[in-house]
Protein backbone atom coordinates (compact mmCIF):
# COMPACT_ATOMS: atom_id res chain seq x y z
CA MET A 1 30.54 1.24 -54.84
CA LEU A 2 32.17 3.43 -52.22
CA TYR A 3 31.40 1.32 -49.16
CA GLY A 4 32.51 -1.88 -50.90
CA ASP A 5 35.83 -0.26 -51.84
CA ALA A 6 36.29 0.85 -48.26
CA GLU A 7 35.60 -2.70 -47.05
CA ILE A 8 38.18 -4.20 -49.40
CA TRP A 9 40.76 -1.58 -48.44
CA SER A 10 40.18 -2.08 -44.72
CA ASP A 11 40.21 -5.90 -45.03
CA ARG A 12 43.64 -5.76 -46.65
CA TYR A 13 44.89 -3.39 -43.98
CA ARG A 14 43.60 -5.44 -41.05
CA GLU A 15 44.79 -8.83 -42.22
CA LYS A 16 48.48 -7.89 -42.35
CA GLU A 17 50.70 -9.56 -39.78
CA GLY A 18 51.93 -7.22 -37.07
CA HIS A 19 49.05 -4.84 -37.73
CA ASP A 20 49.03 -1.62 -35.69
CA TYR A 21 45.48 -0.23 -35.45
CA TRP A 22 46.42 3.16 -34.03
CA ARG A 23 49.00 3.81 -36.73
CA ASP A 24 46.51 2.76 -39.39
CA LEU A 25 43.78 4.96 -37.95
CA ARG A 26 46.17 7.93 -38.08
CA CYS A 27 46.97 7.06 -41.71
CA LEU A 28 43.28 6.95 -42.58
CA ARG A 29 42.63 10.32 -40.98
CA ALA A 30 45.46 11.81 -43.03
CA THR A 31 44.23 10.23 -46.28
CA PRO A 32 42.63 12.71 -48.68
CA TRP A 33 40.49 9.88 -50.09
CA HIS A 34 36.81 10.70 -49.58
CA GLY A 35 35.95 7.11 -48.60
CA ALA A 36 38.31 7.02 -45.63
CA GLY A 37 35.42 7.53 -43.19
CA ALA A 38 33.80 4.25 -44.22
CA ALA A 39 37.13 2.43 -44.06
CA LEU A 40 37.82 3.91 -40.63
CA GLU A 41 34.41 2.77 -39.42
CA ALA A 42 34.96 -0.76 -40.79
CA ILE A 43 38.37 -1.01 -39.08
CA MET A 44 36.93 0.17 -35.79
CA ILE A 45 34.00 -2.28 -35.94
CA TRP A 46 36.19 -5.25 -36.78
CA GLY A 47 38.85 -4.20 -34.27
CA HIS A 48 36.10 -4.37 -31.63
CA ILE A 49 34.93 -7.76 -32.93
CA GLN A 50 38.51 -9.13 -32.88
CA ALA A 51 39.15 -7.84 -29.37
CA ASN A 52 35.93 -9.49 -28.12
CA TRP A 53 35.92 -12.54 -30.39
CA LYS A 54 34.91 -15.03 -27.69
CA ARG A 55 31.81 -12.98 -26.98
CA PHE A 56 30.89 -12.82 -30.69
CA GLN A 57 31.35 -16.53 -31.44
CA PRO A 58 27.86 -17.58 -30.27
CA GLN A 59 26.32 -14.81 -32.39
CA ILE A 60 28.25 -15.99 -35.45
CA ARG A 61 27.20 -19.59 -34.84
CA HIS A 62 23.56 -18.57 -34.41
CA ARG A 63 23.51 -16.30 -37.49
CA TRP A 64 25.33 -18.74 -39.81
CA ASP A 65 24.57 -22.22 -38.50
CA LYS A 66 26.41 -24.02 -41.32
CA LEU A 67 29.76 -22.73 -40.03
CA THR A 68 31.67 -25.40 -38.15
CA ASP A 69 33.56 -24.94 -34.88
CA GLU A 70 36.77 -25.09 -36.92
CA ASP A 71 35.49 -22.30 -39.18
CA VAL A 72 34.64 -20.10 -36.20
CA ALA A 73 38.05 -20.78 -34.61
CA ARG A 74 39.77 -19.92 -37.91
CA ILE A 75 37.83 -16.66 -38.37
CA LYS A 76 39.20 -15.10 -35.13
CA GLY A 77 37.30 -11.88 -35.81
CA HIS A 78 38.67 -11.34 -39.32
CA ARG A 79 36.04 -10.15 -41.78
CA GLY A 80 37.81 -11.52 -44.85
CA VAL A 81 38.08 -15.00 -43.33
CA LEU A 82 34.38 -14.90 -42.35
CA ILE A 83 33.50 -14.02 -45.95
CA ASP A 84 35.69 -16.87 -47.24
CA CYS A 85 33.97 -19.32 -44.87
CA LEU A 86 30.52 -18.13 -45.92
CA GLN A 87 31.46 -18.60 -49.56
CA GLN A 88 32.65 -22.12 -48.85
CA ARG A 89 29.76 -23.28 -46.60
CA TYR A 90 26.87 -21.50 -48.29
CA GLY A 91 28.11 -21.36 -51.89
CA TYR A 92 27.88 -17.55 -51.99
CA GLY A 93 29.84 -15.37 -54.37
CA ARG A 94 32.15 -12.79 -52.78
CA GLU A 95 29.69 -9.90 -53.16
CA GLU A 96 26.79 -11.99 -51.83
CA ALA A 97 28.85 -13.02 -48.78
CA GLN A 98 29.75 -9.36 -48.14
CA GLN A 99 26.06 -8.43 -48.34
CA GLU A 100 25.31 -11.14 -45.75
CA VAL A 101 27.92 -9.74 -43.36
CA ARG A 102 27.04 -6.03 -43.65
CA PRO A 103 23.77 -6.06 -41.66
CA TRP A 104 25.35 -8.21 -38.95
CA GLU A 105 28.43 -6.00 -38.53
CA HIS A 106 26.37 -2.80 -38.43
CA GLN A 107 24.57 -3.84 -35.27
CA PHE A 108 27.74 -2.95 -33.37
């Protein structure tokens, strides 16, 4: 699944310490991989969510009411951590948690 591969690739890229978004965006544009557009879009969406995390916290709490305040504080706008929390609180598998997040993230 092309979009799923792009999500995994972008999650790994974003969760590195000392991450530089602009450098990574330049790398994606230079990548001959045909799925780079989806990965670029995912990075841009989650970069926006991370930068405005305080504004998105109420939406996360409303959408997934089983998440605790500690979960929301731990997520800090990171997609992979959100997916891990959804798996833990709702008993989802990884793919099911990703499918839960996709419609929410695409509103932005």
